[in-house]
Amino acid sequence: MVQREITKEVQILLGKLRFNTGGTDGRAGPRTVAAIKEFQRTAGVPGDGKATQALLELLRSVAPSG
């Protein structure tokens, strides 16, 4: 996957979990980074704020489908 596609899906899944990313444009702006860090903190994983493949897989496993 291209980084922008990963970031966009991360934004979508974070939104389903009620984390405010500021939109789903595929760009990791300040709100997206803050939402990722907050999710990482609540999930008990290191909080680097980066939209990675590993983060995406974790989000896929916990976010509601549909």
N, C-alpha and C. Protein backbone atom coordinates (compact mmCIF):
# COMPACT_ATOMS: atom_id res chain seq x y z
N MET A 1 0.84 -1.20 0.00
CA MET A 1 0.00 0.00 0.00
C MET A 1 0.87 1.25 0.00
N VAL A 2 0.39 2.24 -0.65
CA VAL A 2 1.07 3.53 -0.66
C VAL A 2 0.78 4.22 0.68
N GLN A 3 1.73 5.01 1.15
CA GLN A 3 1.59 5.66 2.46
C GLN A 3 0.30 6.46 2.58
N ARG A 4 -0.06 7.17 1.53
CA ARG A 4 -1.28 7.98 1.61
C ARG A 4 -2.52 7.11 1.80
N GLU A 5 -2.54 5.96 1.16
CA GLU A 5 -3.67 5.03 1.32
C GLU A 5 -3.71 4.47 2.73
N ILE A 6 -2.54 4.15 3.28
CA ILE A 6 -2.47 3.67 4.66
C ILE A 6 -3.01 4.74 5.60
N THR A 7 -2.54 5.97 5.42
CA THR A 7 -2.97 7.08 6.28
C THR A 7 -4.46 7.29 6.18
N LYS A 8 -5.01 7.23 4.98
CA LYS A 8 -6.46 7.43 4.81
C LYS A 8 -7.25 6.34 5.53
N GLU A 9 -6.84 5.10 5.39
CA GLU A 9 -7.57 4.03 6.08
C GLU A 9 -7.41 4.16 7.60
N VAL A 10 -6.23 4.55 8.06
CA VAL A 10 -6.02 4.80 9.50
C VAL A 10 -7.00 5.88 9.96
N GLN A 11 -7.15 6.95 9.19
CA GLN A 11 -8.07 8.02 9.56
C GLN A 11 -9.51 7.51 9.63
N ILE A 12 -9.90 6.71 8.66
CA ILE A 12 -11.27 6.16 8.64
C ILE A 12 -11.51 5.30 9.88
N LEU A 13 -10.57 4.41 10.17
CA LEU A 13 -10.74 3.50 11.31
C LEU A 13 -10.70 4.25 12.64
N LEU A 14 -9.83 5.24 12.75
CA LEU A 14 -9.81 6.05 13.97
C LEU A 14 -11.14 6.77 14.16
N GLY A 15 -11.71 7.24 13.07
CA GLY A 15 -13.02 7.90 13.14
C GLY A 15 -14.09 6.96 13.65
N LYS A 16 -14.05 5.71 13.22
CA LYS A 16 -15.02 4.71 13.71
C LYS A 16 -14.88 4.48 15.20
N LEU A 17 -13.66 4.71 15.70
CA LEU A 17 -13.40 4.55 17.14
C LEU A 17 -13.56 5.87 17.90
N ARG A 18 -14.07 6.88 17.23
CA ARG A 18 -14.37 8.19 17.83
C ARG A 18 -13.13 9.03 18.16
N PHE A 19 -12.06 8.83 17.38
CA PHE A 19 -10.89 9.70 17.49
C PHE A 19 -10.97 10.70 16.35
N ASN A 20 -10.83 11.99 16.65
CA ASN A 20 -10.98 13.05 15.66
C ASN A 20 -9.66 13.27 14.92
N THR A 21 -9.64 12.88 13.64
CA THR A 21 -8.44 13.06 12.82
C THR A 21 -8.50 14.33 11.99
N GLY A 22 -9.64 15.01 12.01
CA GLY A 22 -9.79 16.22 11.22
C GLY A 22 -10.16 15.94 9.78
N GLY A 23 -10.45 14.70 9.44
CA GLY A 23 -10.86 14.36 8.07
C GLY A 23 -10.16 13.11 7.57
N THR A 24 -10.52 12.71 6.36
CA THR A 24 -9.95 11.50 5.78
C THR A 24 -9.35 11.82 4.41
N ASP A 25 -8.30 12.63 4.45
CA ASP A 25 -7.66 13.06 3.20
C ASP A 25 -6.37 12.31 2.88
N GLY A 26 -5.97 11.40 3.77
CA GLY A 26 -4.74 10.66 3.53
C GLY A 26 -3.47 11.41 3.90
N ARG A 27 -3.63 12.55 4.53
CA ARG A 27 -2.47 13.35 4.95
C ARG A 27 -2.39 13.35 6.48
N ALA A 28 -1.22 13.12 6.99
CA ALA A 28 -1.02 13.06 8.44
C ALA A 28 -0.73 14.44 9.00
N GLY A 29 -1.78 15.26 9.11
CA GLY A 29 -1.65 16.58 9.70
C GLY A 29 -1.66 16.50 11.22
N PRO A 30 -1.64 17.64 11.89
CA PRO A 30 -1.55 17.67 13.35
C PRO A 30 -2.69 16.93 14.06
N ARG A 31 -3.91 17.03 13.56
CA ARG A 31 -5.03 16.33 14.22
C ARG A 31 -4.93 14.82 14.04
N THR A 32 -4.49 14.40 12.87
CA THR A 32 -4.32 12.96 12.63
C THR A 32 -3.22 12.41 13.54
N VAL A 33 -2.10 13.11 13.62
CA VAL A 33 -0.99 12.67 14.47
C VAL A 33 -1.45 12.60 15.92
N ALA A 34 -2.19 13.62 16.38
CA ALA A 34 -2.68 13.63 17.76
C ALA A 34 -3.66 12.47 18.01
N ALA A 35 -4.53 12.18 17.04
CA ALA A 35 -5.48 11.08 17.17
C ALA A 35 -4.76 9.74 17.22
N ILE A 36 -3.74 9.59 16.38
CA ILE A 36 -2.96 8.35 16.39
C ILE A 36 -2.28 8.17 17.75
N LYS A 37 -1.67 9.23 18.26
CA LYS A 37 -0.99 9.15 19.56
C LYS A 37 -1.97 8.81 20.67
N GLU A 38 -3.15 9.39 20.65
CA GLU A 38 -4.16 9.11 21.67
C GLU A 38 -4.62 7.65 21.58
N PHE A 39 -4.84 7.17 20.36
CA PHE A 39 -5.20 5.76 20.20
C PHE A 39 -4.08 4.87 20.71
N GLN A 40 -2.85 5.17 20.34
CA GLN A 40 -1.72 4.36 20.76
C GLN A 40 -1.62 4.33 22.29
N ARG A 41 -1.86 5.47 22.91
CA ARG A 41 -1.81 5.54 24.38
C ARG A 41 -2.87 4.63 24.98
N THR A 42 -4.10 4.71 24.46
CA THR A 42 -5.18 3.90 25.02
C THR A 42 -5.00 2.41 24.70
N ALA A 43 -4.30 2.10 23.61
CA ALA A 43 -4.06 0.71 23.24
C ALA A 43 -2.83 0.13 23.93
N GLY A 44 -2.07 0.99 24.61
CA GLY A 44 -0.88 0.52 25.32
C GLY A 44 0.30 0.19 24.44
N VAL A 45 0.37 0.88 23.29
CA VAL A 45 1.51 0.69 22.39
C VAL A 45 2.31 1.98 22.31
N PRO A 46 3.59 1.90 21.92
CA PRO A 46 4.39 3.13 21.83
C PRO A 46 3.71 4.19 20.96
N GLY A 47 3.69 5.43 21.46
CA GLY A 47 2.97 6.51 20.79
C GLY A 47 3.84 7.41 19.95
N ASP A 48 4.12 6.98 18.73
CA ASP A 48 4.96 7.80 17.85
C ASP A 48 4.12 8.67 16.91
N GLY A 49 2.81 8.42 16.83
CA GLY A 49 1.94 9.24 15.99
C GLY A 49 2.04 8.98 14.51
N LYS A 50 2.68 7.88 14.13
CA LYS A 50 2.89 7.59 12.71
C LYS A 50 1.86 6.58 12.20
N ALA A 51 1.38 6.81 10.99
CA ALA A 51 0.45 5.90 10.33
C ALA A 51 1.27 4.82 9.62
N THR A 52 1.42 3.69 10.28
CA THR A 52 2.22 2.59 9.74
C THR A 52 1.33 1.40 9.39
N GLN A 53 1.90 0.46 8.69
CA GLN A 53 1.17 -0.78 8.36
C GLN A 53 0.79 -1.52 9.64
N ALA A 54 1.70 -1.54 10.63
CA ALA A 54 1.42 -2.22 11.90
C ALA A 54 0.25 -1.55 12.62
N LEU A 55 0.22 -0.23 12.63
CA LEU A 55 -0.90 0.50 13.25
C LEU A 55 -2.19 0.18 12.52
N LEU A 56 -2.14 0.17 11.20
CA LEU A 56 -3.32 -0.13 10.40
C LEU A 56 -3.86 -1.52 10.75
N GLU A 57 -2.98 -2.49 10.85
CA GLU A 57 -3.42 -3.85 11.20
C GLU A 57 -4.04 -3.90 12.59
N LEU A 58 -3.47 -3.16 13.55
CA LEU A 58 -4.05 -3.10 14.89
C LEU A 58 -5.44 -2.46 14.85
N LEU A 59 -5.55 -1.36 14.13
CA LEU A 59 -6.85 -0.70 14.00
C LEU A 59 -7.89 -1.61 13.35
N ARG A 60 -7.50 -2.34 12.32
CA ARG A 60 -8.41 -3.26 11.67
C ARG A 60 -8.92 -4.30 12.64
N SER A 61 -8.09 -4.69 13.59
CA SER A 61 -8.48 -5.74 14.53
C SER A 61 -9.42 -5.24 15.62
N VAL A 62 -9.45 -3.93 15.87
CA VAL A 62 -10.27 -3.41 16.97
C VAL A 62 -11.42 -2.52 16.53
N ALA A 63 -11.35 -1.96 15.34
CA ALA A 63 -12.41 -1.05 14.87
C ALA A 63 -13.64 -1.83 14.43
N PRO A 64 -14.82 -1.26 14.68
CA PRO A 64 -16.04 -1.92 14.22
C PRO A 64 -16.07 -1.99 12.70
N SER A 65 -16.56 -3.08 12.15
CA SER A 65 -16.65 -3.20 10.69
C SER A 65 -17.96 -2.59 10.22
N GLY A 66 -17.98 -2.26 8.92
CA GLY A 66 -19.21 -1.74 8.34
C GLY A 66 -19.32 -0.27 8.29
